Structure formats: C-alpha cells, structure tokens
Amino acid sequence: MKNVTLLISEIEKIIELLVSVGETNWAGSFNNFRQKLDSTNAENLETLRSEILRVYGGMGSFSDLVLYEQGQPMIKENQKLDELRTELFRILNDR
C-alpha cells in the first residue's frame, strides 16, 4: 500500500456515504479503521491493511452490502458504494 493519504480519503468517502443513508453499522466499522490509521505506524500498517481487507470476505461482508430505503434498493447510492468499494480494494492491494 503506497499511499496512506489516499486510503484515508477513500475511507472517509465511504463513511460519508454510509452515514448519509443511515447505515450506521458499517459506518462505525470504517470509522474505527479511520481512527486506527491516525494512530498506526509503518510496522502496524500491514496488520491494519489485512484487517480492512477481511471485511470483503464471507457471508454478510462489506461486499454483500446493498443499501435500501423503504424496501427499495437505492440505485444511485449503491452504484457509488460499488465504486468506492472497488477503489478501496485497489488501494489496499497497491503495493
């Protein structure tokens, strides 16, 4: 992972989107990652990178998240979420 500033920026965009649609569970998880980035050093960065990548795997993962409002998928917001998820994954794997 070459650019921590870019990683922080992407996580902040994800938090902003999730908060705006009321998805507090995942927003809280990403806020925790954001706070850890503030206090991590180069040695711990790889551990935190692995921790963030784990949210992409398994049932009920961040990859599975679909945003709904009153039982209807939020098309525009889900498209944006998909873009942000993809970019975050790319950043995390850019070594």
PDB file of N, CA and C in Angstrom:
ATOM      1  N   MET A   1       0.858  -1.160   0.000  1.00  0.00           N
ATOM      2  CA  MET A   1       0.000   0.000   0.000  1.00  0.00           C
ATOM      3  C   MET A   1       0.903   1.221   0.000  1.00  0.00           C
ATOM      4  N   LYS A   2       0.824   1.973  -1.079  1.00  0.00           N
ATOM      5  CA  LYS A   2       1.764   3.071  -1.278  1.00  0.00           C
ATOM      6  C   LYS A   2       1.294   4.397  -0.697  1.00  0.00           C
ATOM      7  N   ASN A   3       0.005   4.642  -0.676  1.00  0.00           N
ATOM      8  CA  ASN A   3      -0.457   5.975  -0.334  1.00  0.00           C
ATOM      9  C   ASN A   3      -1.493   5.941   0.792  1.00  0.00           C
ATOM     10  N   VAL A   4      -1.035   6.184   2.006  1.00  0.00           N
ATOM     11  CA  VAL A   4      -1.925   6.169   3.163  1.00  0.00           C
ATOM     12  C   VAL A   4      -2.910   7.330   3.091  1.00  0.00           C
ATOM     13  N   THR A   5      -2.487   8.466   2.571  1.00  0.00           N
ATOM     14  CA  THR A   5      -3.380   9.621   2.438  1.00  0.00           C
ATOM     15  C   THR A   5      -4.562   9.282   1.536  1.00  0.00           C
ATOM     16  N   LEU A   6      -4.293   8.583   0.450  1.00  0.00           N
ATOM     17  CA  LEU A   6      -5.354   8.160  -0.464  1.00  0.00           C
ATOM     18  C   LEU A   6      -6.289   7.160   0.226  1.00  0.00           C
ATOM     19  N   LEU A   7      -5.729   6.273   1.019  1.00  0.00           N
ATOM     20  CA  LEU A   7      -6.522   5.299   1.768  1.00  0.00           C
ATOM     21  C   LEU A   7      -7.460   6.020   2.742  1.00  0.00           C
ATOM     22  N   ILE A   8      -6.932   6.970   3.479  1.00  0.00           N
ATOM     23  CA  ILE A   8      -7.744   7.730   4.431  1.00  0.00           C
ATOM     24  C   ILE A   8      -8.873   8.451   3.707  1.00  0.00           C
ATOM     25  N   SER A   9      -8.557   9.076   2.594  1.00  0.00           N
ATOM     26  CA  SER A   9      -9.556   9.806   1.817  1.00  0.00           C
ATOM     27  C   SER A   9     -10.682   8.883   1.356  1.00  0.00           C
ATOM     28  N   GLU A  10     -10.334   7.702   0.886  1.00  0.00           N
ATOM     29  CA  GLU A  10     -11.346   6.760   0.393  1.00  0.00           C
ATOM     30  C   GLU A  10     -12.222   6.257   1.536  1.00  0.00           C
ATOM     31  N   ILE A  11     -11.611   5.968   2.666  1.00  0.00           N
ATOM     32  CA  ILE A  11     -12.381   5.529   3.827  1.00  0.00           C
ATOM     33  C   ILE A  11     -13.335   6.629   4.280  1.00  0.00           C
ATOM     34  N   GLU A  12     -12.887   7.868   4.255  1.00  0.00           N
ATOM     35  CA  GLU A  12     -13.760   8.990   4.639  1.00  0.00           C
ATOM     36  C   GLU A  12     -14.944   9.126   3.681  1.00  0.00           C
ATOM     37  N   LYS A  13     -14.729   8.894   2.396  1.00  0.00           N
ATOM     38  CA  LYS A  13     -15.826   8.932   1.423  1.00  0.00           C
ATOM     39  C   LYS A  13     -16.844   7.822   1.711  1.00  0.00           C
ATOM     40  N   ILE A  14     -16.348   6.651   2.065  1.00  0.00           N
ATOM     41  CA  ILE A  14     -17.232   5.531   2.389  1.00  0.00           C
ATOM     42  C   ILE A  14     -18.053   5.857   3.633  1.00  0.00           C
ATOM     43  N   ILE A  15     -17.397   6.384   4.653  1.00  0.00           N
ATOM     44  CA  ILE A  15     -18.102   6.759   5.886  1.00  0.00           C
ATOM     45  C   ILE A  15     -19.189   7.780   5.571  1.00  0.00           C
ATOM     46  N   GLU A  16     -18.844   8.790   4.798  1.00  0.00           N
ATOM     47  CA  GLU A  16     -19.804   9.841   4.457  1.00  0.00           C
ATOM     48  C   GLU A  16     -21.038   9.271   3.763  1.00  0.00           C
ATOM     49  N   LEU A  17     -20.830   8.382   2.801  1.00  0.00           N
ATOM     50  CA  LEU A  17     -21.956   7.769   2.095  1.00  0.00           C
ATOM     51  C   LEU A  17     -22.803   6.930   3.043  1.00  0.00           C
ATOM     52  N   LEU A  18     -22.154   6.096   3.829  1.00  0.00           N
ATOM     53  CA  LEU A  18     -22.889   5.208   4.725  1.00  0.00           C
ATOM     54  C   LEU A  18     -23.695   5.994   5.763  1.00  0.00           C
ATOM     55  N   VAL A  19     -23.114   7.030   6.308  1.00  0.00           N
ATOM     56  CA  VAL A  19     -23.828   7.862   7.278  1.00  0.00           C
ATOM     57  C   VAL A  19     -25.018   8.548   6.610  1.00  0.00           C
ATOM     58  N   SER A  20     -24.823   9.014   5.381  1.00  0.00           N
ATOM     59  CA  SER A  20     -25.895   9.743   4.689  1.00  0.00           C
ATOM     60  C   SER A  20     -27.132   8.893   4.423  1.00  0.00           C
ATOM     61  N   VAL A  21     -26.954   7.573   4.353  1.00  0.00           N
ATOM     62  CA  VAL A  21     -28.105   6.688   4.113  1.00  0.00           C
ATOM     63  C   VAL A  21     -28.531   5.935   5.376  1.00  0.00           C
ATOM     64  N   GLY A  22     -27.901   6.259   6.497  1.00  0.00           N
ATOM     65  CA  GLY A  22     -28.292   5.649   7.767  1.00  0.00           C
ATOM     66  C   GLY A  22     -27.722   4.276   8.035  1.00  0.00           C
ATOM     67  N   GLU A  23     -26.676   3.889   7.334  1.00  0.00           N
ATOM     68  CA  GLU A  23     -26.040   2.578   7.539  1.00  0.00           C
ATOM     69  C   GLU A  23     -24.976   2.731   8.631  1.00  0.00           C
ATOM     70  N   THR A  24     -25.446   2.756   9.874  1.00  0.00           N
ATOM     71  CA  THR A  24     -24.560   3.062  10.997  1.00  0.00           C
ATOM     72  C   THR A  24     -23.602   1.932  11.354  1.00  0.00           C
ATOM     73  N   ASN A  25     -24.001   0.686  11.124  1.00  0.00           N
ATOM     74  CA  ASN A  25     -23.141  -0.444  11.470  1.00  0.00           C
ATOM     75  C   ASN A  25     -21.825  -0.393  10.683  1.00  0.00           C
ATOM     76  N   TRP A  26     -21.931  -0.366   9.373  1.00  0.00           N
ATOM     77  CA  TRP A  26     -20.724  -0.337   8.551  1.00  0.00           C
ATOM     78  C   TRP A  26     -19.993   1.000   8.674  1.00  0.00           C
ATOM     79  N   ALA A  27     -20.740   2.087   8.844  1.00  0.00           N
ATOM     80  CA  ALA A  27     -20.096   3.390   9.048  1.00  0.00           C
ATOM     81  C   ALA A  27     -19.219   3.346  10.297  1.00  0.00           C
ATOM     82  N   GLY A  28     -19.725   2.714  11.348  1.00  0.00           N
ATOM     83  CA  GLY A  28     -18.947   2.579  12.578  1.00  0.00           C
ATOM     84  C   GLY A  28     -17.686   1.758  12.379  1.00  0.00           C
ATOM     85  N   SER A  29     -17.793   0.679  11.608  1.00  0.00           N
ATOM     86  CA  SER A  29     -16.617  -0.152  11.330  1.00  0.00           C
ATOM     87  C   SER A  29     -15.554   0.640  10.588  1.00  0.00           C
ATOM     88  N   PHE A  30     -15.969   1.393   9.589  1.00  0.00           N
ATOM     89  CA  PHE A  30     -15.000   2.167   8.821  1.00  0.00           C
ATOM     90  C   PHE A  30     -14.473   3.364   9.612  1.00  0.00           C
ATOM     91  N   ASN A  31     -15.276   3.894  10.508  1.00  0.00           N
ATOM     92  CA  ASN A  31     -14.789   4.955  11.378  1.00  0.00           C
ATOM     93  C   ASN A  31     -13.694   4.416  12.301  1.00  0.00           C
ATOM     94  N   ASN A  32     -13.867   3.181  12.775  1.00  0.00           N
ATOM     95  CA  ASN A  32     -12.819   2.548  13.586  1.00  0.00           C
ATOM     96  C   ASN A  32     -11.531   2.381  12.789  1.00  0.00           C
ATOM     97  N   PHE A  33     -11.640   1.952  11.531  1.00  0.00           N
ATOM     98  CA  PHE A  33     -10.452   1.839  10.686  1.00  0.00           C
ATOM     99  C   PHE A  33      -9.782   3.204  10.527  1.00  0.00           C
ATOM    100  N   ARG A  34     -10.590   4.213  10.325  1.00  0.00           N
ATOM    101  CA  ARG A  34     -10.069   5.577  10.139  1.00  0.00           C
ATOM    102  C   ARG A  34      -9.300   6.035  11.378  1.00  0.00           C
ATOM    103  N   GLN A  35      -9.863   5.786  12.544  1.00  0.00           N
ATOM    104  CA  GLN A  35      -9.199   6.164  13.791  1.00  0.00           C
ATOM    105  C   GLN A  35      -7.892   5.393  13.984  1.00  0.00           C
ATOM    106  N   LYS A  36      -7.898   4.117  13.640  1.00  0.00           N
ATOM    107  CA  LYS A  36      -6.682   3.314  13.756  1.00  0.00           C
ATOM    108  C   LYS A  36      -5.587   3.828  12.816  1.00  0.00           C
ATOM    109  N   LEU A  37      -5.982   4.305  11.644  1.00  0.00           N
ATOM    110  CA  LEU A  37      -4.993   4.852  10.709  1.00  0.00           C
ATOM    111  C   LEU A  37      -4.291   6.075  11.291  1.00  0.00           C
ATOM    112  N   ASP A  38      -5.004   6.848  12.083  1.00  0.00           N
ATOM    113  CA  ASP A  38      -4.405   8.026  12.717  1.00  0.00           C
ATOM    114  C   ASP A  38      -3.326   7.654  13.713  1.00  0.00           C
ATOM    115  N   SER A  39      -3.471   6.494  14.329  1.00  0.00           N
ATOM    116  CA  SER A  39      -2.546   6.130  15.398  1.00  0.00           C
ATOM    117  C   SER A  39      -1.601   4.984  15.029  1.00  0.00           C
ATOM    118  N   THR A  40      -1.614   4.566  13.779  1.00  0.00           N
ATOM    119  CA  THR A  40      -0.764   3.430  13.404  1.00  0.00           C
ATOM    120  C   THR A  40       0.590   3.922  12.897  1.00  0.00           C
ATOM    121  N   ASN A  41       1.558   3.057  12.993  1.00  0.00           N
ATOM    122  CA  ASN A  41       2.881   3.350  12.440  1.00  0.00           C
ATOM    123  C   ASN A  41       3.141   2.400  11.274  1.00  0.00           C
ATOM    124  N   ALA A  42       4.268   2.569  10.634  1.00  0.00           N
ATOM    125  CA  ALA A  42       4.582   1.767   9.447  1.00  0.00           C
ATOM    126  C   ALA A  42       4.573   0.271   9.748  1.00  0.00           C
ATOM    127  N   GLU A  43       5.016  -0.115  10.939  1.00  0.00           N
ATOM    128  CA  GLU A  43       5.051  -1.534  11.304  1.00  0.00           C
ATOM    129  C   GLU A  43       3.654  -2.130  11.406  1.00  0.00           C
ATOM    130  N   ASN A  44       2.696  -1.351  11.897  1.00  0.00           N
ATOM    131  CA  ASN A  44       1.339  -1.847  12.099  1.00  0.00           C
ATOM    132  C   ASN A  44       0.442  -1.650  10.885  1.00  0.00           C
ATOM    133  N   LEU A  45       0.915  -0.951   9.890  1.00  0.00           N
ATOM    134  CA  LEU A  45       0.093  -0.654   8.719  1.00  0.00           C
ATOM    135  C   LEU A  45      -0.320  -1.923   7.978  1.00  0.00           C
ATOM    136  N   GLU A  46       0.575  -2.880   7.872  1.00  0.00           N
ATOM    137  CA  GLU A  46       0.241  -4.131   7.171  1.00  0.00           C
ATOM    138  C   GLU A  46      -0.834  -4.916   7.923  1.00  0.00           C
ATOM    139  N   THR A  47      -0.782  -4.904   9.239  1.00  0.00           N
ATOM    140  CA  THR A  47      -1.811  -5.568  10.048  1.00  0.00           C
ATOM    141  C   THR A  47      -3.157  -4.898   9.837  1.00  0.00           C
ATOM    142  N   LEU A  48      -3.183  -3.578   9.838  1.00  0.00           N
ATOM    143  CA  LEU A  48      -4.428  -2.847   9.623  1.00  0.00           C
ATOM    144  C   LEU A  48      -4.946  -3.071   8.207  1.00  0.00           C
ATOM    145  N   ARG A  49      -4.054  -3.117   7.234  1.00  0.00           N
ATOM    146  CA  ARG A  49      -4.440  -3.407   5.845  1.00  0.00           C
ATOM    147  C   ARG A  49      -5.158  -4.750   5.777  1.00  0.00           C
ATOM    148  N   SER A  50      -4.609  -5.760   6.418  1.00  0.00           N
ATOM    149  CA  SER A  50      -5.232  -7.092   6.430  1.00  0.00           C
ATOM    150  C   SER A  50      -6.585  -7.062   7.122  1.00  0.00           C
ATOM    151  N   GLU A  51      -6.683  -6.295   8.194  1.00  0.00           N
ATOM    152  CA  GLU A  51      -7.950  -6.174   8.922  1.00  0.00           C
ATOM    153  C   GLU A  51      -9.034  -5.554   8.033  1.00  0.00           C
ATOM    154  N   ILE A  52      -8.674  -4.525   7.291  1.00  0.00           N
ATOM    155  CA  ILE A  52      -9.644  -3.893   6.394  1.00  0.00           C
ATOM    156  C   ILE A  52     -10.032  -4.847   5.274  1.00  0.00           C
ATOM    157  N   LEU A  53      -9.069  -5.549   4.713  1.00  0.00           N
ATOM    158  CA  LEU A  53      -9.364  -6.481   3.619  1.00  0.00           C
ATOM    159  C   LEU A  53     -10.320  -7.600   4.059  1.00  0.00           C
ATOM    160  N   ARG A  54     -10.295  -7.957   5.328  1.00  0.00           N
ATOM    161  CA  ARG A  54     -11.171  -9.033   5.818  1.00  0.00           C
ATOM    162  C   ARG A  54     -12.652  -8.685   5.682  1.00  0.00           C
ATOM    163  N   VAL A  55     -13.002  -7.406   5.634  1.00  0.00           N
ATOM    164  CA  VAL A  55     -14.423  -7.053   5.512  1.00  0.00           C
ATOM    165  C   VAL A  55     -14.975  -7.407   4.139  1.00  0.00           C
ATOM    166  N   TYR A  56     -14.106  -7.749   3.201  1.00  0.00           N
ATOM    167  CA  TYR A  56     -14.540  -8.104   1.846  1.00  0.00           C
ATOM    168  C   TYR A  56     -14.916  -9.575   1.709  1.00  0.00           C
ATOM    169  N   GLY A  57     -14.637 -10.404   2.713  1.00  0.00           N
ATOM    170  CA  GLY A  57     -14.855 -11.831   2.552  1.00  0.00           C
ATOM    171  C   GLY A  57     -15.957 -12.393   3.425  1.00  0.00           C
ATOM    172  N   GLY A  58     -16.574 -13.461   2.960  1.00  0.00           N
ATOM    173  CA  GLY A  58     -17.563 -14.184   3.743  1.00  0.00           C
ATOM    174  C   GLY A  58     -18.978 -13.650   3.578  1.00  0.00           C
ATOM    175  N   MET A  59     -19.905 -14.407   4.121  1.00  0.00           N
ATOM    176  CA  MET A  59     -21.318 -14.015   4.054  1.00  0.00           C
ATOM    177  C   MET A  59     -21.555 -12.798   4.935  1.00  0.00           C
ATOM    178  N   GLY A  60     -22.378 -11.883   4.462  1.00  0.00           N
ATOM    179  CA  GLY A  60     -22.674 -10.680   5.216  1.00  0.00           C
ATOM    180  C   GLY A  60     -21.541  -9.682   5.219  1.00  0.00           C
ATOM    181  N   SER A  61     -20.641  -9.819   4.265  1.00  0.00           N
ATOM    182  CA  SER A  61     -19.466  -8.955   4.210  1.00  0.00           C
ATOM    183  C   SER A  61     -19.811  -7.592   3.598  1.00  0.00           C
ATOM    184  N   PHE A  62     -18.844  -6.712   3.652  1.00  0.00           N
ATOM    185  CA  PHE A  62     -18.995  -5.388   3.046  1.00  0.00           C
ATOM    186  C   PHE A  62     -19.292  -5.521   1.552  1.00  0.00           C
ATOM    187  N   SER A  63     -18.753  -6.538   0.930  1.00  0.00           N
ATOM    188  CA  SER A  63     -19.015  -6.778  -0.495  1.00  0.00           C
ATOM    189  C   SER A  63     -20.483  -7.093  -0.762  1.00  0.00           C
ATOM    190  N   ASP A  64     -21.170  -7.641   0.228  1.00  0.00           N
ATOM    191  CA  ASP A  64     -22.577  -8.028   0.080  1.00  0.00           C
ATOM    192  C   ASP A  64     -23.547  -6.887   0.377  1.00  0.00           C
ATOM    193  N   LEU A  65     -23.042  -5.792   0.916  1.00  0.00           N
ATOM    194  CA  LEU A  65     -23.919  -4.713   1.361  1.00  0.00           C
ATOM    195  C   LEU A  65     -24.681  -4.082   0.198  1.00  0.00           C
ATOM    196  N   VAL A  66     -26.003  -4.026   0.334  1.00  0.00           N
ATOM    197  CA  VAL A  66     -26.875  -3.325  -0.602  1.00  0.00           C
ATOM    198  C   VAL A  66     -27.674  -2.329   0.228  1.00  0.00           C
ATOM    199  N   LEU A  67     -27.690  -1.092  -0.210  1.00  0.00           N
ATOM    200  CA  LEU A  67     -28.387  -0.035   0.512  1.00  0.00           C
ATOM    201  C   LEU A  67     -29.844   0.028   0.059  1.00  0.00           C
ATOM    202  N   TYR A  68     -30.754   0.101   1.032  1.00  0.00           N
ATOM    203  CA  TYR A  68     -32.192   0.147   0.758  1.00  0.00           C
ATOM    204  C   TYR A  68     -32.815   1.348   1.460  1.00  0.00           C
ATOM    205  N   GLU A  69     -33.895   1.823   0.872  1.00  0.00           N
ATOM    206  CA  GLU A  69     -34.733   2.821   1.518  1.00  0.00           C
ATOM    207  C   GLU A  69     -36.179   2.397   1.316  1.00  0.00           C
ATOM    208  N   GLN A  70     -36.883   2.181   2.397  1.00  0.00           N
ATOM    209  CA  GLN A  70     -38.274   1.740   2.374  1.00  0.00           C
ATOM    210  C   GLN A  70     -38.460   0.501   1.488  1.00  0.00           C
ATOM    211  N   GLY A  71     -37.537  -0.450   1.635  1.00  0.00           N
ATOM    212  CA  GLY A  71     -37.636  -1.716   0.921  1.00  0.00           C
ATOM    213  C   GLY A  71     -37.191  -1.683  -0.531  1.00  0.00           C
ATOM    214  N   GLN A  72     -36.754  -0.540  -1.011  1.00  0.00           N
ATOM    215  CA  GLN A  72     -36.303  -0.404  -2.409  1.00  0.00           C
ATOM    216  C   GLN A  72     -34.802  -0.135  -2.455  1.00  0.00           C
ATOM    217  N   PRO A  73     -34.088  -0.824  -3.345  1.00  0.00           N
ATOM    218  CA  PRO A  73     -32.653  -0.549  -3.458  1.00  0.00           C
ATOM    219  C   PRO A  73     -32.415   0.894  -3.910  1.00  0.00           C
ATOM    220  N   MET A  74     -31.419   1.496  -3.335  1.00  0.00           N
ATOM    221  CA  MET A  74     -31.045   2.875  -3.659  1.00  0.00           C
ATOM    222  C   MET A  74     -30.032   2.822  -4.811  1.00  0.00           C
ATOM    223  N   ILE A  75     -30.509   2.955  -6.021  1.00  0.00           N
ATOM    224  CA  ILE A  75     -29.693   2.721  -7.215  1.00  0.00           C
ATOM    225  C   ILE A  75     -28.446   3.606  -7.241  1.00  0.00           C
ATOM    226  N   LYS A  76     -28.629   4.900  -7.170  1.00  0.00           N
ATOM    227  CA  LYS A  76     -27.502   5.836  -7.261  1.00  0.00           C
ATOM    228  C   LYS A  76     -26.493   5.608  -6.131  1.00  0.00           C
ATOM    229  N   GLU A  77     -26.990   5.436  -4.920  1.00  0.00           N
ATOM    230  CA  GLU A  77     -26.128   5.232  -3.761  1.00  0.00           C
ATOM    231  C   GLU A  77     -25.389   3.899  -3.835  1.00  0.00           C
ATOM    232  N   ASN A  78     -26.070   2.856  -4.337  1.00  0.00           N
ATOM    233  CA  ASN A  78     -25.405   1.560  -4.486  1.00  0.00           C
ATOM    234  C   ASN A  78     -24.330   1.593  -5.568  1.00  0.00           C
ATOM    235  N   GLN A  79     -24.576   2.337  -6.628  1.00  0.00           N
ATOM    236  CA  GLN A  79     -23.542   2.492  -7.659  1.00  0.00           C
ATOM    237  C   GLN A  79     -22.318   3.195  -7.087  1.00  0.00           C
ATOM    238  N   LYS A  80     -22.552   4.245  -6.300  1.00  0.00           N
ATOM    239  CA  LYS A  80     -21.446   4.969  -5.673  1.00  0.00           C
ATOM    240  C   LYS A  80     -20.717   4.077  -4.684  1.00  0.00           C
ATOM    241  N   LEU A  81     -21.457   3.320  -3.894  1.00  0.00           N
ATOM    242  CA  LEU A  81     -20.848   2.403  -2.939  1.00  0.00           C
ATOM    243  C   LEU A  81     -19.974   1.379  -3.664  1.00  0.00           C
ATOM    244  N   ASP A  82     -20.447   0.861  -4.773  1.00  0.00           N
ATOM    245  CA  ASP A  82     -19.663  -0.110  -5.530  1.00  0.00           C
ATOM    246  C   ASP A  82     -18.364   0.515  -6.039  1.00  0.00           C
ATOM    247  N   GLU A  83     -18.436   1.743  -6.519  1.00  0.00           N
ATOM    248  CA  GLU A  83     -17.225   2.448  -6.972  1.00  0.00           C
ATOM    249  C   GLU A  83     -16.236   2.623  -5.819  1.00  0.00           C
ATOM    250  N   LEU A  84     -16.746   3.038  -4.668  1.00  0.00           N
ATOM    251  CA  LEU A  84     -15.880   3.262  -3.506  1.00  0.00           C
ATOM    252  C   LEU A  84     -15.275   1.953  -3.000  1.00  0.00           C
ATOM    253  N   ARG A  85     -16.074   0.880  -2.955  1.00  0.00           N
ATOM    254  CA  ARG A  85     -15.558  -0.439  -2.536  1.00  0.00           C
ATOM    255  C   ARG A  85     -14.438  -0.898  -3.451  1.00  0.00           C
ATOM    256  N   THR A  86     -14.667  -0.745  -4.754  1.00  0.00           N
ATOM    257  CA  THR A  86     -13.676  -1.183  -5.736  1.00  0.00           C
ATOM    258  C   THR A  86     -12.380  -0.390  -5.599  1.00  0.00           C
ATOM    259  N   GLU A  87     -12.512   0.922  -5.444  1.00  0.00           N
ATOM    260  CA  GLU A  87     -11.323   1.770  -5.311  1.00  0.00           C
ATOM    261  C   GLU A  87     -10.580   1.474  -4.015  1.00  0.00           C
ATOM    262  N   LEU A  88     -11.297   1.276  -2.926  1.00  0.00           N
ATOM    263  CA  LEU A  88     -10.638   0.935  -1.660  1.00  0.00           C
ATOM    264  C   LEU A  88      -9.866  -0.371  -1.795  1.00  0.00           C
ATOM    265  N   PHE A  89     -10.467  -1.365  -2.414  1.00  0.00           N
ATOM    266  CA  PHE A  89      -9.795  -2.649  -2.618  1.00  0.00           C
ATOM    267  C   PHE A  89      -8.532  -2.465  -3.454  1.00  0.00           C
ATOM    268  N   ARG A  90      -8.619  -1.634  -4.488  1.00  0.00           N
ATOM    269  CA  ARG A  90      -7.460  -1.363  -5.334  1.00  0.00           C
ATOM    270  C   ARG A  90      -6.338  -0.695  -4.528  1.00  0.00           C
ATOM    271  N   ILE A  91      -6.698   0.284  -3.734  1.00  0.00           N
ATOM    272  CA  ILE A  91      -5.706   0.989  -2.901  1.00  0.00           C
ATOM    273  C   ILE A  91      -5.032   0.023  -1.935  1.00  0.00           C
ATOM    274  N   LEU A  92      -5.818  -0.817  -1.303  1.00  0.00           N
ATOM    275  CA  LEU A  92      -5.279  -1.770  -0.328  1.00  0.00           C
ATOM    276  C   LEU A  92      -4.329  -2.772  -0.970  1.00  0.00           C
ATOM    277  N   ASN A  93      -4.518  -3.051  -2.239  1.00  0.00           N
ATOM    278  CA  ASN A  93      -3.678  -4.027  -2.929  1.00  0.00           C
ATOM    279  C   ASN A  93      -2.581  -3.412  -3.779  1.00  0.00           C
ATOM    280  N   ASP A  94      -2.478  -2.097  -3.755  1.00  0.00           N
ATOM    281  CA  ASP A  94      -1.428  -1.376  -4.495  1.00  0.00           C
ATOM    282  C   ASP A  94      -0.170  -1.360  -3.644  1.00  0.00           C
ATOM    283  N   ARG A  95       0.738  -2.215  -3.972  1.00  0.00           N
ATOM    284  CA  ARG A  95       1.969  -2.322  -3.160  1.00  0.00           C
ATOM    285  C   ARG A  95       3.131  -1.813  -3.914  1.00  0.00           C
TER     286      ARG A  95
END
